[in-house]
Amino acid sequence: MVTYRDRLDIIADILTVVSREAKKTQIMYQANLSYKILQRYLNEIADASLIRFENEQQIYMLTDKGQNYLDAYKEYSRCGKSMEKRLNDFTTKRKSLEGLCPSKNNFSNQPQKDNPSIEA
């Protein structure tokens, strides 16, 4: 199964590479991005002051704000994985309960019968 990264994941991947001080090509390969997509994200996160560019050395460096983003992303990711595990556990338990009481009829699709104990 292929999993796609969303915007937050891509930014975190870029910042992780930049945290070790990296050139554009290193970021592109290590974050697994095309040049066009990388350019768009570098501009976006530089405008947000998450990274800075050292012109003399031609490297990108992480700012304090960028480190704060990475720290918050790690917590977000950890919580997401925990919730995903809990949801999977919930689904498994539901299937187990449904398996304990299999139904030959699908009651949700049958019309309601009048209750004979209630007379008009």
PDB file of N, CA and C in Angstrom:
ATOM      1  N   MET A   1       0.841  -1.176   0.000  1.00  0.00           N
ATOM      2  CA  MET A   1       0.000   0.000   0.000  1.00  0.00           C
ATOM      3  C   MET A   1       0.888   1.242   0.000  1.00  0.00           C
ATOM      4  N   VAL A   2       0.556   2.176  -0.836  1.00  0.00           N
ATOM      5  CA  VAL A   2       1.307   3.415  -0.937  1.00  0.00           C
ATOM      6  C   VAL A   2       0.695   4.445   0.000  1.00  0.00           C
ATOM      7  N   THR A   3       1.529   5.066   0.803  1.00  0.00           N
ATOM      8  CA  THR A   3       1.036   6.140   1.656  1.00  0.00           C
ATOM      9  C   THR A   3       1.602   7.453   1.143  1.00  0.00           C
ATOM     10  N   TYR A   4       0.737   8.421   1.056  1.00  0.00           N
ATOM     11  CA  TYR A   4       1.143   9.728   0.572  1.00  0.00           C
ATOM     12  C   TYR A   4       1.382  10.660   1.744  1.00  0.00           C
ATOM     13  N   ARG A   5       2.346  11.529   1.572  1.00  0.00           N
ATOM     14  CA  ARG A   5       2.637  12.510   2.614  1.00  0.00           C
ATOM     15  C   ARG A   5       1.774  13.741   2.391  1.00  0.00           C
ATOM     16  N   ASP A   6       1.332  14.318   3.470  1.00  0.00           N
ATOM     17  CA  ASP A   6       0.619  15.574   3.336  1.00  0.00           C
ATOM     18  C   ASP A   6       1.596  16.731   3.537  1.00  0.00           C
ATOM     19  N   ARG A   7       1.090  17.922   3.464  1.00  0.00           N
ATOM     20  CA  ARG A   7       1.914  19.128   3.540  1.00  0.00           C
ATOM     21  C   ARG A   7       2.760  19.161   4.818  1.00  0.00           C
ATOM     22  N   LEU A   8       2.166  18.839   5.951  1.00  0.00           N
ATOM     23  CA  LEU A   8       2.889  18.873   7.230  1.00  0.00           C
ATOM     24  C   LEU A   8       4.029  17.863   7.263  1.00  0.00           C
ATOM     25  N   ASP A   9       3.787  16.687   6.680  1.00  0.00           N
ATOM     26  CA  ASP A   9       4.826  15.648   6.624  1.00  0.00           C
ATOM     27  C   ASP A   9       6.002  16.102   5.757  1.00  0.00           C
ATOM     28  N   ILE A  10       5.698  16.703   4.626  1.00  0.00           N
ATOM     29  CA  ILE A  10       6.754  17.160   3.713  1.00  0.00           C
ATOM     30  C   ILE A  10       7.587  18.245   4.365  1.00  0.00           C
ATOM     31  N   ILE A  11       6.924  19.184   5.021  1.00  0.00           N
ATOM     32  CA  ILE A  11       7.662  20.255   5.708  1.00  0.00           C
ATOM     33  C   ILE A  11       8.560  19.660   6.790  1.00  0.00           C
ATOM     34  N   ALA A  12       8.041  18.705   7.550  1.00  0.00           N
ATOM     35  CA  ALA A  12       8.847  18.064   8.600  1.00  0.00           C
ATOM     36  C   ALA A  12      10.039  17.328   7.997  1.00  0.00           C
ATOM     37  N   ASP A  13       9.837  16.662   6.867  1.00  0.00           N
ATOM     38  CA  ASP A  13      10.948  15.959   6.209  1.00  0.00           C
ATOM     39  C   ASP A  13      12.034  16.946   5.775  1.00  0.00           C
ATOM     40  N   ILE A  14      11.626  18.053   5.214  1.00  0.00           N
ATOM     41  CA  ILE A  14      12.592  19.076   4.783  1.00  0.00           C
ATOM     42  C   ILE A  14      13.338  19.632   5.990  1.00  0.00           C
ATOM     43  N   LEU A  15      12.601  19.966   7.036  1.00  0.00           N
ATOM     44  CA  LEU A  15      13.239  20.539   8.229  1.00  0.00           C
ATOM     45  C   LEU A  15      14.188  19.555   8.901  1.00  0.00           C
ATOM     46  N   THR A  16      13.859  18.284   8.857  1.00  0.00           N
ATOM     47  CA  THR A  16      14.744  17.261   9.423  1.00  0.00           C
ATOM     48  C   THR A  16      16.080  17.245   8.686  1.00  0.00           C
ATOM     49  N   VAL A  17      16.015  17.318   7.360  1.00  0.00           N
ATOM     50  CA  VAL A  17      17.248  17.347   6.570  1.00  0.00           C
ATOM     51  C   VAL A  17      18.012  18.645   6.846  1.00  0.00           C
ATOM     52  N   VAL A  18      17.312  19.757   6.875  1.00  0.00           N
ATOM     53  CA  VAL A  18      17.946  21.060   7.089  1.00  0.00           C
ATOM     54  C   VAL A  18      18.546  21.166   8.493  1.00  0.00           C
ATOM     55  N   SER A  19      18.020  20.419   9.439  1.00  0.00           N
ATOM     56  CA  SER A  19      18.551  20.482  10.809  1.00  0.00           C
ATOM     57  C   SER A  19      20.017  20.048  10.863  1.00  0.00           C
ATOM     58  N   ARG A  20      20.473  19.330   9.827  1.00  0.00           N
ATOM     59  CA  ARG A  20      21.882  18.924   9.741  1.00  0.00           C
ATOM     60  C   ARG A  20      22.653  19.838   8.793  1.00  0.00           C
ATOM     61  N   GLU A  21      22.095  21.010   8.498  1.00  0.00           N
ATOM     62  CA  GLU A  21      22.670  21.956   7.537  1.00  0.00           C
ATOM     63  C   GLU A  21      22.892  21.269   6.204  1.00  0.00           C
ATOM     64  N   ALA A  22      22.116  21.661   5.214  1.00  0.00           N
ATOM     65  CA  ALA A  22      22.146  20.957   3.943  1.00  0.00           C
ATOM     66  C   ALA A  22      22.028  21.909   2.758  1.00  0.00           C
ATOM     67  N   LYS A  23      22.577  21.463   1.655  1.00  0.00           N
ATOM     68  CA  LYS A  23      22.420  22.178   0.393  1.00  0.00           C
ATOM     69  C   LYS A  23      21.125  21.716  -0.259  1.00  0.00           C
ATOM     70  N   LYS A  24      20.695  22.487  -1.251  1.00  0.00           N
ATOM     71  CA  LYS A  24      19.419  22.228  -1.901  1.00  0.00           C
ATOM     72  C   LYS A  24      19.334  20.806  -2.477  1.00  0.00           C
ATOM     73  N   THR A  25      20.386  20.348  -3.115  1.00  0.00           N
ATOM     74  CA  THR A  25      20.380  19.003  -3.710  1.00  0.00           C
ATOM     75  C   THR A  25      20.242  17.936  -2.633  1.00  0.00           C
ATOM     76  N   GLN A  26      20.930  18.115  -1.515  1.00  0.00           N
ATOM     77  CA  GLN A  26      20.820  17.155  -0.414  1.00  0.00           C
ATOM     78  C   GLN A  26      19.387  17.097   0.113  1.00  0.00           C
ATOM     79  N   ILE A  27      18.779  18.264   0.247  1.00  0.00           N
ATOM     80  CA  ILE A  27      17.400  18.320   0.740  1.00  0.00           C
ATOM     81  C   ILE A  27      16.476  17.593  -0.236  1.00  0.00           C
ATOM     82  N   MET A  28      16.657  17.871  -1.517  1.00  0.00           N
ATOM     83  CA  MET A  28      15.810  17.284  -2.544  1.00  0.00           C
ATOM     84  C   MET A  28      15.863  15.757  -2.487  1.00  0.00           C
ATOM     85  N   TYR A  29      17.063  15.200  -2.432  1.00  0.00           N
ATOM     86  CA  TYR A  29      17.197  13.742  -2.422  1.00  0.00           C
ATOM     87  C   TYR A  29      16.781  13.121  -1.092  1.00  0.00           C
ATOM     88  N   GLN A  30      17.198  13.697   0.006  1.00  0.00           N
ATOM     89  CA  GLN A  30      16.901  13.098   1.308  1.00  0.00           C
ATOM     90  C   GLN A  30      15.430  13.239   1.706  1.00  0.00           C
ATOM     91  N   ALA A  31      14.771  14.303   1.224  1.00  0.00           N
ATOM     92  CA  ALA A  31      13.343  14.480   1.508  1.00  0.00           C
ATOM     93  C   ALA A  31      12.480  13.854   0.407  1.00  0.00           C
ATOM     94  N   ASN A  32      13.133  13.302  -0.615  1.00  0.00           N
ATOM     95  CA  ASN A  32      12.448  12.616  -1.711  1.00  0.00           C
ATOM     96  C   ASN A  32      11.425  13.517  -2.407  1.00  0.00           C
ATOM     97  N   LEU A  33      11.912  14.649  -2.918  1.00  0.00           N
ATOM     98  CA  LEU A  33      11.059  15.628  -3.585  1.00  0.00           C
ATOM     99  C   LEU A  33      11.611  15.976  -4.950  1.00  0.00           C
ATOM    100  N   SER A  34      10.713  16.361  -5.848  1.00  0.00           N
ATOM    101  CA  SER A  34      11.162  16.879  -7.137  1.00  0.00           C
ATOM    102  C   SER A  34      11.693  18.295  -6.918  1.00  0.00           C
ATOM    103  N   TYR A  35      12.475  18.767  -7.874  1.00  0.00           N
ATOM    104  CA  TYR A  35      13.057  20.103  -7.746  1.00  0.00           C
ATOM    105  C   TYR A  35      11.960  21.168  -7.680  1.00  0.00           C
ATOM    106  N   LYS A  36      10.939  21.012  -8.494  1.00  0.00           N
ATOM    107  CA  LYS A  36       9.854  21.998  -8.546  1.00  0.00           C
ATOM    108  C   LYS A  36       9.112  22.067  -7.206  1.00  0.00           C
ATOM    109  N   ILE A  37       8.790  20.925  -6.650  1.00  0.00           N
ATOM    110  CA  ILE A  37       8.088  20.884  -5.362  1.00  0.00           C
ATOM    111  C   ILE A  37       8.998  21.418  -4.254  1.00  0.00           C
ATOM    112  N   LEU A  38      10.259  21.036  -4.291  1.00  0.00           N
ATOM    113  CA  LEU A  38      11.212  21.515  -3.288  1.00  0.00           C
ATOM    114  C   LEU A  38      11.280  23.038  -3.293  1.00  0.00           C
ATOM    115  N   GLN A  39      11.374  23.635  -4.466  1.00  0.00           N
ATOM    116  CA  GLN A  39      11.442  25.096  -4.576  1.00  0.00           C
ATOM    117  C   GLN A  39      10.245  25.754  -3.905  1.00  0.00           C
ATOM    118  N   ARG A  40       9.070  25.212  -4.187  1.00  0.00           N
ATOM    119  CA  ARG A  40       7.844  25.784  -3.616  1.00  0.00           C
ATOM    120  C   ARG A  40       7.880  25.715  -2.087  1.00  0.00           C
ATOM    121  N   TYR A  41       8.271  24.552  -1.557  1.00  0.00           N
ATOM    122  CA  TYR A  41       8.295  24.389  -0.103  1.00  0.00           C
ATOM    123  C   TYR A  41       9.409  25.210   0.544  1.00  0.00           C
ATOM    124  N   LEU A  42      10.570  25.270  -0.079  1.00  0.00           N
ATOM    125  CA  LEU A  42      11.658  26.068   0.501  1.00  0.00           C
ATOM    126  C   LEU A  42      11.247  27.524   0.616  1.00  0.00           C
ATOM    127  N   ASN A  43      10.601  28.045  -0.425  1.00  0.00           N
ATOM    128  CA  ASN A  43      10.134  29.435  -0.368  1.00  0.00           C
ATOM    129  C   ASN A  43       9.109  29.626   0.747  1.00  0.00           C
ATOM    130  N   GLU A  44       8.196  28.675   0.855  1.00  0.00           N
ATOM    131  CA  GLU A  44       7.144  28.771   1.867  1.00  0.00           C
ATOM    132  C   GLU A  44       7.717  28.734   3.281  1.00  0.00           C
ATOM    133  N   ILE A  45       8.617  27.783   3.541  1.00  0.00           N
ATOM    134  CA  ILE A  45       9.119  27.671   4.919  1.00  0.00           C
ATOM    135  C   ILE A  45      10.176  28.727   5.238  1.00  0.00           C
ATOM    136  N   ALA A  46      10.828  29.253   4.224  1.00  0.00           N
ATOM    137  CA  ALA A  46      11.739  30.381   4.456  1.00  0.00           C
ATOM    138  C   ALA A  46      10.923  31.630   4.794  1.00  0.00           C
ATOM    139  N   ASP A  47       9.808  31.840   4.086  1.00  0.00           N
ATOM    140  CA  ASP A  47       8.926  32.980   4.382  1.00  0.00           C
ATOM    141  C   ASP A  47       8.334  32.872   5.779  1.00  0.00           C
ATOM    142  N   ALA A  48       8.147  31.661   6.248  1.00  0.00           N
ATOM    143  CA  ALA A  48       7.612  31.436   7.595  1.00  0.00           C
ATOM    144  C   ALA A  48       8.707  31.476   8.661  1.00  0.00           C
ATOM    145  N   SER A  49       9.946  31.740   8.246  1.00  0.00           N
ATOM    146  CA  SER A  49      11.104  31.827   9.150  1.00  0.00           C
ATOM    147  C   SER A  49      11.422  30.516   9.857  1.00  0.00           C
ATOM    148  N   LEU A  50      11.138  29.394   9.199  1.00  0.00           N
ATOM    149  CA  LEU A  50      11.488  28.098   9.769  1.00  0.00           C
ATOM    150  C   LEU A  50      12.917  27.706   9.400  1.00  0.00           C
ATOM    151  N   ILE A  51      13.417  28.261   8.299  1.00  0.00           N
ATOM    152  CA  ILE A  51      14.795  28.026   7.852  1.00  0.00           C
ATOM    153  C   ILE A  51      15.395  29.352   7.417  1.00  0.00           C
ATOM    154  N   ARG A  52      16.716  29.332   7.316  1.00  0.00           N
ATOM    155  CA  ARG A  52      17.409  30.494   6.734  1.00  0.00           C
ATOM    156  C   ARG A  52      18.481  29.978   5.789  1.00  0.00           C
ATOM    157  N   PHE A  53      18.815  30.810   4.825  1.00  0.00           N
ATOM    158  CA  PHE A  53      19.783  30.429   3.806  1.00  0.00           C
ATOM    159  C   PHE A  53      21.073  31.198   4.045  1.00  0.00           C
ATOM    160  N   GLU A  54      22.182  30.469   4.155  1.00  0.00           N
ATOM    161  CA  GLU A  54      23.510  31.070   4.279  1.00  0.00           C
ATOM    162  C   GLU A  54      24.090  31.191   2.878  1.00  0.00           C
ATOM    163  N   ASN A  55      24.110  32.382   2.350  1.00  0.00           N
ATOM    164  CA  ASN A  55      24.507  32.603   0.964  1.00  0.00           C
ATOM    165  C   ASN A  55      25.974  32.247   0.707  1.00  0.00           C
ATOM    166  N   GLU A  56      26.853  32.551   1.638  1.00  0.00           N
ATOM    167  CA  GLU A  56      28.285  32.281   1.443  1.00  0.00           C
ATOM    168  C   GLU A  56      28.570  30.789   1.295  1.00  0.00           C
ATOM    169  N   GLN A  57      27.939  29.993   2.135  1.00  0.00           N
ATOM    170  CA  GLN A  57      28.179  28.545   2.114  1.00  0.00           C
ATOM    171  C   GLN A  57      27.167  27.792   1.250  1.00  0.00           C
ATOM    172  N   GLN A  58      26.133  28.493   0.795  1.00  0.00           N
ATOM    173  CA  GLN A  58      25.068  27.888  -0.015  1.00  0.00           C
ATOM    174  C   GLN A  58      24.360  26.744   0.722  1.00  0.00           C
ATOM    175  N   ILE A  59      24.111  26.954   2.016  1.00  0.00           N
ATOM    176  CA  ILE A  59      23.420  25.925   2.803  1.00  0.00           C
ATOM    177  C   ILE A  59      22.188  26.513   3.489  1.00  0.00           C
ATOM    178  N   TYR A  60      21.266  25.621   3.776  1.00  0.00           N
ATOM    179  CA  TYR A  60      20.070  25.979   4.531  1.00  0.00           C
ATOM    180  C   TYR A  60      20.266  25.527   5.960  1.00  0.00           C
ATOM    181  N   MET A  61      19.796  26.365   6.886  1.00  0.00           N
ATOM    182  CA  MET A  61      19.941  26.074   8.307  1.00  0.00           C
ATOM    183  C   MET A  61      18.586  26.219   8.991  1.00  0.00           C
ATOM    184  N   LEU A  62      18.383  25.429  10.017  1.00  0.00           N
ATOM    185  CA  LEU A  62      17.146  25.451  10.784  1.00  0.00           C
ATOM    186  C   LEU A  62      17.178  26.621  11.769  1.00  0.00           C
ATOM    187  N   THR A  63      16.067  27.323  11.899  1.00  0.00           N
ATOM    188  CA  THR A  63      15.952  28.393  12.895  1.00  0.00           C
ATOM    189  C   THR A  63      15.333  27.813  14.172  1.00  0.00           C
ATOM    190  N   ASP A  64      15.292  28.610  15.212  1.00  0.00           N
ATOM    191  CA  ASP A  64      14.638  28.173  16.449  1.00  0.00           C
ATOM    192  C   ASP A  64      13.164  27.876  16.196  1.00  0.00           C
ATOM    193  N   LYS A  65      12.540  28.703  15.383  1.00  0.00           N
ATOM    194  CA  LYS A  65      11.135  28.484  15.042  1.00  0.00           C
ATOM    195  C   LYS A  65      10.971  27.159  14.280  1.00  0.00           C
ATOM    196  N   GLY A  66      11.908  26.850  13.412  1.00  0.00           N
ATOM    197  CA  GLY A  66      11.887  25.586  12.690  1.00  0.00           C
ATOM    198  C   GLY A  66      12.036  24.406  13.631  1.00  0.00           C
ATOM    199  N   GLN A  67      12.900  24.539  14.636  1.00  0.00           N
ATOM    200  CA  GLN A  67      13.071  23.476  15.633  1.00  0.00           C
ATOM    201  C   GLN A  67      11.790  23.302  16.438  1.00  0.00           C
ATOM    202  N   ASN A  68      11.133  24.414  16.755  1.00  0.00           N
ATOM    203  CA  ASN A  68       9.851  24.337  17.468  1.00  0.00           C
ATOM    204  C   ASN A  68       8.813  23.588  16.623  1.00  0.00           C
ATOM    205  N   TYR A  69       8.811  23.853  15.319  1.00  0.00           N
ATOM    206  CA  TYR A  69       7.902  23.138  14.418  1.00  0.00           C
ATOM    207  C   TYR A  69       8.193  21.642  14.460  1.00  0.00           C
ATOM    208  N   LEU A  70       9.469  21.269  14.350  1.00  0.00           N
ATOM    209  CA  LEU A  70       9.833  19.845  14.375  1.00  0.00           C
ATOM    210  C   LEU A  70       9.414  19.177  15.686  1.00  0.00           C
ATOM    211  N   ASP A  71       9.629  19.860  16.788  1.00  0.00           N
ATOM    212  CA  ASP A  71       9.237  19.304  18.091  1.00  0.00           C
ATOM    213  C   ASP A  71       7.722  19.099  18.152  1.00  0.00           C
ATOM    214  N   ALA A  72       6.971  20.105  17.705  1.00  0.00           N
ATOM    215  CA  ALA A  72       5.506  20.009  17.710  1.00  0.00           C
ATOM    216  C   ALA A  72       5.037  18.923  16.740  1.00  0.00           C
ATOM    217  N   TYR A  73       5.712  18.796  15.595  1.00  0.00           N
ATOM    218  CA  TYR A  73       5.339  17.779  14.611  1.00  0.00           C
ATOM    219  C   TYR A  73       5.561  16.369  15.176  1.00  0.00           C
ATOM    220  N   LYS A  74       6.650  16.177  15.897  1.00  0.00           N
ATOM    221  CA  LYS A  74       6.924  14.866  16.490  1.00  0.00           C
ATOM    222  C   LYS A  74       5.817  14.478  17.465  1.00  0.00           C
ATOM    223  N   GLU A  75       5.367  15.430  18.263  1.00  0.00           N
ATOM    224  CA  GLU A  75       4.280  15.178  19.217  1.00  0.00           C
ATOM    225  C   GLU A  75       2.980  14.885  18.463  1.00  0.00           C
ATOM    226  N   TYR A  76       2.700  15.663  17.441  1.00  0.00           N
ATOM    227  CA  TYR A  76       1.516  15.468  16.599  1.00  0.00           C
ATOM    228  C   TYR A  76       1.546  14.078  15.962  1.00  0.00           C
ATOM    229  N   SER A  77       2.672  13.697  15.430  1.00  0.00           N
ATOM    230  CA  SER A  77       2.822  12.407  14.768  1.00  0.00           C
ATOM    231  C   SER A  77       2.648  11.262  15.767  1.00  0.00           C
ATOM    232  N   ARG A  78       3.231  11.413  16.937  1.00  0.00           N
ATOM    233  CA  ARG A  78       3.116  10.394  17.975  1.00  0.00           C
ATOM    234  C   ARG A  78       1.656  10.220  18.392  1.00  0.00           C
ATOM    235  N   CYS A  79       0.948  11.323  18.572  1.00  0.00           N
ATOM    236  CA  CYS A  79      -0.468  11.259  18.949  1.00  0.00           C
ATOM    237  C   CYS A  79      -1.293  10.618  17.835  1.00  0.00           C
ATOM    238  N   GLY A  80      -0.998  10.960  16.598  1.00  0.00           N
ATOM    239  CA  GLY A  80      -1.715  10.396  15.457  1.00  0.00           C
ATOM    240  C   GLY A  80      -1.542   8.891  15.378  1.00  0.00           C
ATOM    241  N   LYS A  81      -0.326   8.421  15.595  1.00  0.00           N
ATOM    242  CA  LYS A  81      -0.074   6.975  15.571  1.00  0.00           C
ATOM    243  C   LYS A  81      -0.798   6.279  16.708  1.00  0.00           C
ATOM    244  N   SER A  82      -0.837   6.911  17.872  1.00  0.00           N
ATOM    245  CA  SER A  82      -1.530   6.340  19.015  1.00  0.00           C
ATOM    246  C   SER A  82      -3.027   6.248  18.730  1.00  0.00           C
ATOM    247  N   MET A  83      -3.597   7.300  18.155  1.00  0.00           N
ATOM    248  CA  MET A  83      -5.024   7.287  17.838  1.00  0.00           C
ATOM    249  C   MET A  83      -5.332   6.258  16.757  1.00  0.00           C
ATOM    250  N   GLU A  84      -4.447   6.123  15.787  1.00  0.00           N
ATOM    251  CA  GLU A  84      -4.643   5.130  14.730  1.00  0.00           C
ATOM    252  C   GLU A  84      -4.641   3.719  15.315  1.00  0.00           C
ATOM    253  N   LYS A  85      -3.726   3.460  16.241  1.00  0.00           N
ATOM    254  CA  LYS A  85      -3.670   2.149  16.884  1.00  0.00           C
ATOM    255  C   LYS A  85      -4.944   1.887  17.674  1.00  0.00           C
ATOM    256  N   ARG A  86      -5.415   2.893  18.404  1.00  0.00           N
ATOM    257  CA  ARG A  86      -6.641   2.738  19.185  1.00  0.00           C
ATOM    258  C   ARG A  86      -7.843   2.495  18.278  1.00  0.00           C
ATOM    259  N   LEU A  87      -7.895   3.180  17.142  1.00  0.00           N
ATOM    260  CA  LEU A  87      -8.988   2.977  16.193  1.00  0.00           C
ATOM    261  C   LEU A  87      -8.947   1.569  15.614  1.00  0.00           C
ATOM    262  N   ASN A  88      -7.748   1.091  15.293  1.00  0.00           N
ATOM    263  CA  ASN A  88      -7.613  -0.283  14.797  1.00  0.00           C
ATOM    264  C   ASN A  88      -8.049  -1.298  15.849  1.00  0.00           C
ATOM    265  N   ASP A  89      -7.665  -1.052  17.105  1.00  0.00           N
ATOM    266  CA  ASP A  89      -8.076  -1.936  18.195  1.00  0.00           C
ATOM    267  C   ASP A  89      -9.601  -1.939  18.335  1.00  0.00           C
ATOM    268  N   PHE A  90     -10.193  -0.765  18.247  1.00  0.00           N
ATOM    269  CA  PHE A  90     -11.641  -0.621  18.342  1.00  0.00           C
ATOM    270  C   PHE A  90     -12.332  -1.405  17.222  1.00  0.00           C
ATOM    271  N   THR A  91     -11.836  -1.273  16.011  1.00  0.00           N
ATOM    272  CA  THR A  91     -12.410  -1.966  14.859  1.00  0.00           C
ATOM    273  C   THR A  91     -12.298  -3.481  15.028  1.00  0.00           C
ATOM    274  N   THR A  92     -11.149  -3.927  15.502  1.00  0.00           N
ATOM    275  CA  THR A  92     -10.942  -5.362  15.734  1.00  0.00           C
ATOM    276  C   THR A  92     -11.916  -5.892  16.781  1.00  0.00           C
ATOM    277  N   LYS A  93     -12.095  -5.152  17.865  1.00  0.00           N
ATOM    278  CA  LYS A  93     -13.017  -5.575  18.924  1.00  0.00           C
ATOM    279  C   LYS A  93     -14.452  -5.591  18.416  1.00  0.00           C
ATOM    280  N   ARG A  94     -14.820  -4.628  17.596  1.00  0.00           N
ATOM    281  CA  ARG A  94     -16.174  -4.593  17.039  1.00  0.00           C
ATOM    282  C   ARG A  94     -16.417  -5.821  16.153  1.00  0.00           C
ATOM    283  N   LYS A  95     -15.446  -6.134  15.304  1.00  0.00           N
ATOM    284  CA  LYS A  95     -15.579  -7.308  14.425  1.00  0.00           C
ATOM    285  C   LYS A  95     -15.672  -8.582  15.246  1.00  0.00           C
ATOM    286  N   SER A  96     -14.928  -8.639  16.332  1.00  0.00           N
ATOM    287  CA  SER A  96     -14.974  -9.802  17.214  1.00  0.00           C
ATOM    288  C   SER A  96     -16.365  -9.958  17.818  1.00  0.00           C
ATOM    289  N   LEU A  97     -16.943  -8.848  18.283  1.00  0.00           N
ATOM    290  CA  LEU A  97     -18.292  -8.893  18.845  1.00  0.00           C
ATOM    291  C   LEU A  97     -19.311  -9.298  17.785  1.00  0.00           C
ATOM    292  N   GLU A  98     -19.179  -8.749  16.596  1.00  0.00           N
ATOM    293  CA  GLU A  98     -20.104  -9.108  15.518  1.00  0.00           C
ATOM    294  C   GLU A  98     -19.966 -10.583  15.164  1.00  0.00           C
ATOM    295  N   GLY A  99     -18.760 -11.121  15.257  1.00  0.00           N
ATOM    296  CA  GLY A  99     -18.534 -12.532  14.979  1.00  0.00           C
ATOM    297  C   GLY A  99     -19.141 -13.446  16.032  1.00  0.00           C
ATOM    298  N   LEU A 100     -19.265 -12.954  17.270  1.00  0.00           N
ATOM    299  CA  LEU A 100     -19.851 -13.753  18.350  1.00  0.00           C
ATOM    300  C   LEU A 100     -21.360 -13.877  18.225  1.00  0.00           C
ATOM    301  N   CYS A 101     -21.957 -12.956  17.518  1.00  0.00           N
ATOM    302  CA  CYS A 101     -23.413 -12.976  17.368  1.00  0.00           C
ATOM    303  C   CYS A 101     -23.761 -12.753  15.899  1.00  0.00           C
ATOM    304  N   PRO A 102     -23.441 -13.752  15.048  1.00  0.00           N
ATOM    305  CA  PRO A 102     -23.736 -13.578  13.628  1.00  0.00           C
ATOM    306  C   PRO A 102     -25.240 -13.557  13.389  1.00  0.00           C
ATOM    307  N   SER A 103     -25.648 -12.763  12.448  1.00  0.00           N
ATOM    308  CA  SER A 103     -27.059 -12.618  12.144  1.00  0.00           C
ATOM    309  C   SER A 103     -27.356 -13.194  10.771  1.00  0.00           C
ATOM    310  N   LYS A 104     -28.397 -14.051  10.703  1.00  0.00           N
ATOM    311  CA  LYS A 104     -28.812 -14.577   9.408  1.00  0.00           C
ATOM    312  C   LYS A 104     -29.645 -13.541   8.676  1.00  0.00           C
ATOM    313  N   ASN A 105     -30.285 -12.680   9.424  1.00  0.00           N
ATOM    314  CA  ASN A 105     -31.120 -11.619   8.839  1.00  0.00           C
ATOM    315  C   ASN A 105     -30.468 -10.277   9.113  1.00  0.00           C
ATOM    316  N   ASN A 106     -30.640  -9.394   8.199  1.00  0.00           N
ATOM    317  CA  ASN A 106     -30.133  -8.038   8.412  1.00  0.00           C
ATOM    318  C   ASN A 106     -31.292  -7.211   8.941  1.00  0.00           C
ATOM    319  N   PHE A 107     -31.369  -7.037  10.261  1.00  0.00           N
ATOM    320  CA  PHE A 107     -32.497  -6.368  10.889  1.00  0.00           C
ATOM    321  C   PHE A 107     -32.623  -4.901  10.498  1.00  0.00           C
ATOM    322  N   SER A 108     -31.510  -4.266  10.168  1.00  0.00           N
ATOM    323  CA  SER A 108     -31.560  -2.840   9.854  1.00  0.00           C
ATOM    324  C   SER A 108     -32.282  -2.562   8.547  1.00  0.00           C
ATOM    325  N   ASN A 109     -32.420  -3.582   7.669  1.00  0.00           N
ATOM    326  CA  ASN A 109     -33.078  -3.375   6.389  1.00  0.00           C
ATOM    327  C   ASN A 109     -34.527  -3.852   6.382  1.00  0.00           C
ATOM    328  N   GLN A 110     -34.998  -4.449   7.498  1.00  0.00           N
ATOM    329  CA  GLN A 110     -36.364  -4.941   7.549  1.00  0.00           C
ATOM    330  C   GLN A 110     -37.291  -3.865   8.090  1.00  0.00           C
ATOM    331  N   PRO A 111     -38.510  -3.783   7.543  1.00  0.00           N
ATOM    332  CA  PRO A 111     -39.460  -2.798   8.082  1.00  0.00           C
ATOM    333  C   PRO A 111     -39.871  -3.176   9.502  1.00  0.00           C
ATOM    334  N   GLN A 112     -40.190  -2.186  10.299  1.00  0.00           N
ATOM    335  CA  GLN A 112     -40.616  -2.407  11.673  1.00  0.00           C
ATOM    336  C   GLN A 112     -42.023  -3.010  11.677  1.00  0.00           C
ATOM    337  N   LYS A 113     -42.223  -4.061  12.478  1.00  0.00           N
ATOM    338  CA  LYS A 113     -43.544  -4.675  12.624  1.00  0.00           C
ATOM    339  C   LYS A 113     -44.269  -3.973  13.758  1.00  0.00           C
ATOM    340  N   ASP A 114     -45.572  -3.937  13.626  1.00  0.00           N
ATOM    341  CA  ASP A 114     -46.369  -3.349  14.700  1.00  0.00           C
ATOM    342  C   ASP A 114     -46.237  -4.186  15.954  1.00  0.00           C
ATOM    343  N   ASN A 115     -46.223  -3.547  17.067  1.00  0.00           N
ATOM    344  CA  ASN A 115     -46.135  -4.224  18.339  1.00  0.00           C
ATOM    345  C   ASN A 115     -47.542  -4.717  18.706  1.00  0.00           C
ATOM    346  N   PRO A 116     -47.761  -6.065  18.796  1.00  0.00           N
ATOM    347  CA  PRO A 116     -49.100  -6.572  19.040  1.00  0.00           C
ATOM    348  C   PRO A 116     -49.615  -6.264  20.446  1.00  0.00           C
ATOM    349  N   SER A 117     -48.727  -5.910  21.370  1.00  0.00           N
ATOM    350  CA  SER A 117     -49.188  -5.636  22.717  1.00  0.00           C
ATOM    351  C   SER A 117     -49.819  -4.247  22.832  1.00  0.00           C
ATOM    352  N   ILE A 118     -49.632  -3.406  21.824  1.00  0.00           N
ATOM    353  CA  ILE A 118     -50.210  -2.072  21.847  1.00  0.00           C
ATOM    354  C   ILE A 118     -51.408  -2.069  20.903  1.00  0.00           C
ATOM    355  N   GLU A 119     -52.574  -1.839  21.441  1.00  0.00           N
ATOM    356  CA  GLU A 119     -53.756  -1.823  20.620  1.00  0.00           C
ATOM    357  C   GLU A 119     -54.340  -0.441  20.581  1.00  0.00           C
ATOM    358  N   ALA A 120     -54.897  -0.106  19.448  1.00  0.00           N
ATOM    359  CA  ALA A 120     -55.478   1.217  19.280  1.00  0.00           C
ATOM    360  C   ALA A 120     -56.838   1.314  19.883  1.00  0.00           C
TER     361      ALA A 120
END
